Amino acid sequence: MEGRIKYGLMVVDPTDLDEDSNPSIVHFCGYWNKPDEDNINHLREEISTDETFGLTEIVDRFEIYPAPFYLVEYYANIIDEMENDEVD
């Protein structure tokens, strides 16, 4: 393992708003290094074509943004908990 994720990309559906009128995050992808344009393009291609993500139906409207620090930390903590459960 390369350590905790430090960066992330979030895929949002701008037409699906939460109670605060924020677009729904439909997918998160964590990275150890700062994602570049190639990472964004790869994620877009993967989500657009791989039906296991369940997002092929919204491919024409989803958007990809850098994830804010608090969201990266949220998912990093989940990963830490999962790894700790595997050790126990």
N, C-alpha and C. Protein backbone atom coordinates (compact mmCIF):
# COMPACT_ATOMS: atom_id res chain seq x y z
N MET A 1 0.83 -1.18 0.00
CA MET A 1 0.00 0.00 0.00
C MET A 1 0.87 1.25 0.00
N GLU A 2 0.40 2.28 -0.67
CA GLU A 2 1.17 3.51 -0.81
C GLU A 2 0.81 4.57 0.23
N GLY A 3 0.04 4.26 1.24
CA GLY A 3 -0.35 5.24 2.24
C GLY A 3 -1.73 5.78 1.98
N ARG A 4 -2.07 6.80 2.75
CA ARG A 4 -3.41 7.41 2.63
C ARG A 4 -3.55 8.20 1.33
N ILE A 5 -4.77 8.18 0.82
CA ILE A 5 -5.03 9.03 -0.33
C ILE A 5 -4.94 10.48 0.11
N LYS A 6 -4.47 11.32 -0.80
CA LYS A 6 -4.29 12.74 -0.49
C LYS A 6 -5.10 13.64 -1.40
N TYR A 7 -5.58 13.09 -2.48
CA TYR A 7 -6.34 13.86 -3.47
C TYR A 7 -7.53 13.03 -3.91
N GLY A 8 -8.45 13.68 -4.56
CA GLY A 8 -9.60 12.95 -5.07
C GLY A 8 -10.30 13.71 -6.19
N LEU A 9 -11.02 12.94 -6.99
CA LEU A 9 -11.90 13.50 -7.99
C LEU A 9 -13.31 13.06 -7.64
N MET A 10 -14.25 13.97 -7.77
CA MET A 10 -15.64 13.62 -7.51
C MET A 10 -16.43 13.81 -8.79
N VAL A 11 -17.31 12.84 -9.03
CA VAL A 11 -18.19 12.89 -10.18
C VAL A 11 -19.55 13.33 -9.65
N VAL A 12 -20.08 14.38 -10.21
CA VAL A 12 -21.36 14.90 -9.73
C VAL A 12 -22.39 14.91 -10.86
N ASP A 13 -23.64 14.79 -10.44
CA ASP A 13 -24.77 14.93 -11.35
C ASP A 13 -25.41 16.28 -11.05
N PRO A 14 -25.17 17.28 -11.90
CA PRO A 14 -25.66 18.62 -11.60
C PRO A 14 -27.19 18.74 -11.64
N THR A 15 -27.87 17.73 -12.15
CA THR A 15 -29.33 17.78 -12.21
C THR A 15 -29.98 17.15 -10.99
N ASP A 16 -29.19 16.47 -10.16
CA ASP A 16 -29.71 15.80 -8.96
C ASP A 16 -29.19 16.56 -7.75
N LEU A 17 -30.02 17.45 -7.21
CA LEU A 17 -29.60 18.33 -6.13
C LEU A 17 -30.03 17.80 -4.77
N ASP A 18 -29.18 18.01 -3.75
CA ASP A 18 -29.55 17.63 -2.39
C ASP A 18 -30.40 18.73 -1.76
N GLU A 19 -30.71 18.57 -0.48
CA GLU A 19 -31.59 19.53 0.20
C GLU A 19 -31.01 20.94 0.29
N ASP A 20 -29.69 21.08 0.12
CA ASP A 20 -29.04 22.39 0.13
C ASP A 20 -28.76 22.92 -1.27
N SER A 21 -29.36 22.28 -2.27
CA SER A 21 -29.19 22.64 -3.69
C SER A 21 -27.77 22.40 -4.20
N ASN A 22 -27.06 21.47 -3.57
CA ASN A 22 -25.74 21.06 -4.06
C ASN A 22 -25.92 19.84 -4.96
N PRO A 23 -25.14 19.75 -6.03
CA PRO A 23 -25.25 18.58 -6.89
C PRO A 23 -24.80 17.31 -6.15
N SER A 24 -25.47 16.23 -6.44
CA SER A 24 -25.16 14.95 -5.79
C SER A 24 -23.83 14.39 -6.29
N ILE A 25 -23.04 13.92 -5.35
CA ILE A 25 -21.79 13.23 -5.70
C ILE A 25 -22.18 11.78 -5.98
N VAL A 26 -21.93 11.34 -7.21
CA VAL A 26 -22.32 9.99 -7.60
C VAL A 26 -21.13 9.02 -7.62
N HIS A 27 -19.92 9.56 -7.55
CA HIS A 27 -18.73 8.70 -7.51
C HIS A 27 -17.55 9.51 -6.99
N PHE A 28 -16.67 8.84 -6.25
CA PHE A 28 -15.44 9.45 -5.75
C PHE A 28 -14.29 8.53 -6.11
N CYS A 29 -13.18 9.11 -6.52
CA CYS A 29 -11.98 8.33 -6.82
C CYS A 29 -10.80 9.00 -6.12
N GLY A 30 -10.11 8.25 -5.25
CA GLY A 30 -9.00 8.78 -4.49
C GLY A 30 -7.66 8.53 -5.17
N TYR A 31 -6.71 9.42 -4.91
CA TYR A 31 -5.38 9.34 -5.52
C TYR A 31 -4.30 9.64 -4.48
N TRP A 32 -3.15 9.03 -4.66
CA TRP A 32 -1.99 9.32 -3.81
C TRP A 32 -1.27 10.57 -4.32
N ASN A 33 -1.30 10.76 -5.65
CA ASN A 33 -0.68 11.93 -6.26
C ASN A 33 -1.77 12.80 -6.85
N LYS A 34 -1.46 14.08 -7.01
CA LYS A 34 -2.45 15.01 -7.55
C LYS A 34 -2.88 14.56 -8.95
N PRO A 35 -4.19 14.36 -9.15
CA PRO A 35 -4.65 13.89 -10.46
C PRO A 35 -4.43 14.96 -11.53
N ASP A 36 -4.06 14.47 -12.71
CA ASP A 36 -3.84 15.38 -13.83
C ASP A 36 -4.92 15.13 -14.89
N GLU A 37 -4.78 15.79 -16.02
CA GLU A 37 -5.78 15.69 -17.09
C GLU A 37 -5.94 14.25 -17.57
N ASP A 38 -4.85 13.48 -17.60
CA ASP A 38 -4.94 12.07 -18.01
C ASP A 38 -5.80 11.27 -17.02
N ASN A 39 -5.64 11.55 -15.73
CA ASN A 39 -6.47 10.87 -14.72
C ASN A 39 -7.94 11.20 -14.91
N ILE A 40 -8.22 12.47 -15.17
CA ILE A 40 -9.61 12.90 -15.37
C ILE A 40 -10.19 12.23 -16.61
N ASN A 41 -9.43 12.21 -17.69
CA ASN A 41 -9.91 11.58 -18.92
C ASN A 41 -10.12 10.08 -18.74
N HIS A 42 -9.21 9.43 -18.03
CA HIS A 42 -9.35 7.99 -17.78
C HIS A 42 -10.59 7.71 -16.94
N LEU A 43 -10.80 8.50 -15.90
CA LEU A 43 -11.98 8.32 -15.06
C LEU A 43 -13.25 8.55 -15.86
N ARG A 44 -13.28 9.59 -16.68
CA ARG A 44 -14.44 9.87 -17.51
C ARG A 44 -14.73 8.69 -18.45
N GLU A 45 -13.70 8.17 -19.08
CA GLU A 45 -13.86 7.03 -20.01
C GLU A 45 -14.36 5.80 -19.27
N GLU A 46 -13.76 5.52 -18.12
CA GLU A 46 -14.14 4.34 -17.35
C GLU A 46 -15.60 4.42 -16.89
N ILE A 47 -15.99 5.55 -16.37
CA ILE A 47 -17.36 5.72 -15.89
C ILE A 47 -18.36 5.70 -17.04
N SER A 48 -17.94 6.21 -18.19
CA SER A 48 -18.82 6.28 -19.35
C SER A 48 -19.08 4.93 -19.99
N THR A 49 -18.15 4.00 -19.83
CA THR A 49 -18.25 2.73 -20.55
C THR A 49 -18.44 1.51 -19.66
N ASP A 50 -18.03 1.58 -18.41
CA ASP A 50 -18.11 0.43 -17.51
C ASP A 50 -19.45 0.45 -16.77
N GLU A 51 -20.32 -0.46 -17.11
CA GLU A 51 -21.67 -0.48 -16.53
C GLU A 51 -21.69 -0.80 -15.04
N THR A 52 -20.60 -1.34 -14.48
CA THR A 52 -20.59 -1.67 -13.05
C THR A 52 -20.68 -0.41 -12.18
N PHE A 53 -20.33 0.74 -12.73
CA PHE A 53 -20.45 1.99 -11.98
C PHE A 53 -21.90 2.47 -11.92
N GLY A 54 -22.72 2.01 -12.85
CA GLY A 54 -24.12 2.41 -12.89
C GLY A 54 -24.34 3.85 -13.32
N LEU A 55 -23.39 4.40 -14.05
CA LEU A 55 -23.49 5.81 -14.43
C LEU A 55 -23.57 6.02 -15.94
N THR A 56 -23.61 4.95 -16.72
CA THR A 56 -23.63 5.10 -18.17
C THR A 56 -24.86 5.84 -18.66
N GLU A 57 -25.94 5.80 -17.88
CA GLU A 57 -27.17 6.48 -18.29
C GLU A 57 -27.09 8.00 -18.12
N ILE A 58 -26.16 8.47 -17.31
CA ILE A 58 -26.04 9.93 -17.10
C ILE A 58 -24.75 10.49 -17.69
N VAL A 59 -24.13 9.74 -18.58
CA VAL A 59 -22.84 10.13 -19.13
C VAL A 59 -22.90 11.50 -19.80
N ASP A 60 -24.04 11.87 -20.33
CA ASP A 60 -24.15 13.14 -21.04
C ASP A 60 -24.24 14.33 -20.10
N ARG A 61 -24.41 14.08 -18.81
CA ARG A 61 -24.56 15.22 -17.90
C ARG A 61 -23.64 15.23 -16.69
N PHE A 62 -22.91 14.14 -16.40
CA PHE A 62 -22.06 14.19 -15.20
C PHE A 62 -20.85 15.07 -15.43
N GLU A 63 -20.34 15.62 -14.33
CA GLU A 63 -19.18 16.50 -14.35
C GLU A 63 -18.17 15.99 -13.33
N ILE A 64 -16.89 16.22 -13.60
CA ILE A 64 -15.81 15.76 -12.72
C ILE A 64 -15.07 16.99 -12.19
N TYR A 65 -14.91 17.02 -10.86
CA TYR A 65 -14.22 18.13 -10.20
C TYR A 65 -13.21 17.59 -9.19
N PRO A 66 -12.18 18.40 -8.88
CA PRO A 66 -11.30 18.02 -7.77
C PRO A 66 -12.13 18.00 -6.48
N ALA A 67 -11.89 17.00 -5.67
CA ALA A 67 -12.62 16.88 -4.40
C ALA A 67 -11.99 17.80 -3.36
N PRO A 68 -12.83 18.45 -2.55
CA PRO A 68 -12.28 19.27 -1.46
C PRO A 68 -11.62 18.39 -0.41
N PHE A 69 -10.74 19.00 0.37
CA PHE A 69 -9.96 18.26 1.36
C PHE A 69 -10.84 17.46 2.32
N TYR A 70 -11.94 18.07 2.80
CA TYR A 70 -12.77 17.37 3.78
C TYR A 70 -13.36 16.09 3.20
N LEU A 71 -13.64 16.08 1.90
CA LEU A 71 -14.20 14.88 1.28
C LEU A 71 -13.12 13.81 1.11
N VAL A 72 -11.92 14.23 0.74
CA VAL A 72 -10.80 13.28 0.64
C VAL A 72 -10.55 12.64 2.00
N GLU A 73 -10.54 13.45 3.05
CA GLU A 73 -10.34 12.92 4.41
C GLU A 73 -11.46 11.95 4.80
N TYR A 74 -12.68 12.28 4.45
CA TYR A 74 -13.82 11.42 4.76
C TYR A 74 -13.61 10.03 4.17
N TYR A 75 -13.26 9.97 2.88
CA TYR A 75 -13.05 8.67 2.23
C TYR A 75 -11.77 7.99 2.70
N ALA A 76 -10.74 8.77 2.99
CA ALA A 76 -9.49 8.19 3.51
C ALA A 76 -9.76 7.50 4.85
N ASN A 77 -10.60 8.10 5.68
CA ASN A 77 -10.95 7.49 6.97
C ASN A 77 -11.73 6.19 6.79
N ILE A 78 -12.62 6.17 5.81
CA ILE A 78 -13.36 4.94 5.52
C ILE A 78 -12.40 3.83 5.09
N ILE A 79 -11.47 4.18 4.23
CA ILE A 79 -10.48 3.19 3.77
C ILE A 79 -9.65 2.68 4.95
N ASP A 80 -9.23 3.61 5.82
CA ASP A 80 -8.47 3.21 7.01
C ASP A 80 -9.26 2.23 7.87
N GLU A 81 -10.53 2.52 8.08
CA GLU A 81 -11.38 1.63 8.89
C GLU A 81 -11.51 0.26 8.25
N MET A 82 -11.68 0.22 6.94
CA MET A 82 -11.80 -1.06 6.24
C MET A 82 -10.50 -1.86 6.37
N GLU A 83 -9.38 -1.19 6.23
CA GLU A 83 -8.09 -1.88 6.36
C GLU A 83 -7.86 -2.36 7.77
N ASN A 84 -8.26 -1.58 8.76
CA ASN A 84 -8.13 -2.00 10.15
C ASN A 84 -9.00 -3.22 10.45
N ASP A 85 -10.19 -3.25 9.87
CA ASP A 85 -11.09 -4.40 10.05
C ASP A 85 -10.49 -5.66 9.45
N GLU A 86 -9.76 -5.53 8.35
CA GLU A 86 -9.12 -6.68 7.72
C GLU A 86 -8.02 -7.25 8.60
N VAL A 87 -7.32 -6.37 9.34
CA VAL A 87 -6.21 -6.80 10.20
C VAL A 87 -6.73 -7.48 11.45
N ASP A 88 -7.85 -6.99 11.98
CA ASP A 88 -8.40 -7.52 13.24
C ASP A 88 -8.85 -8.94 13.13
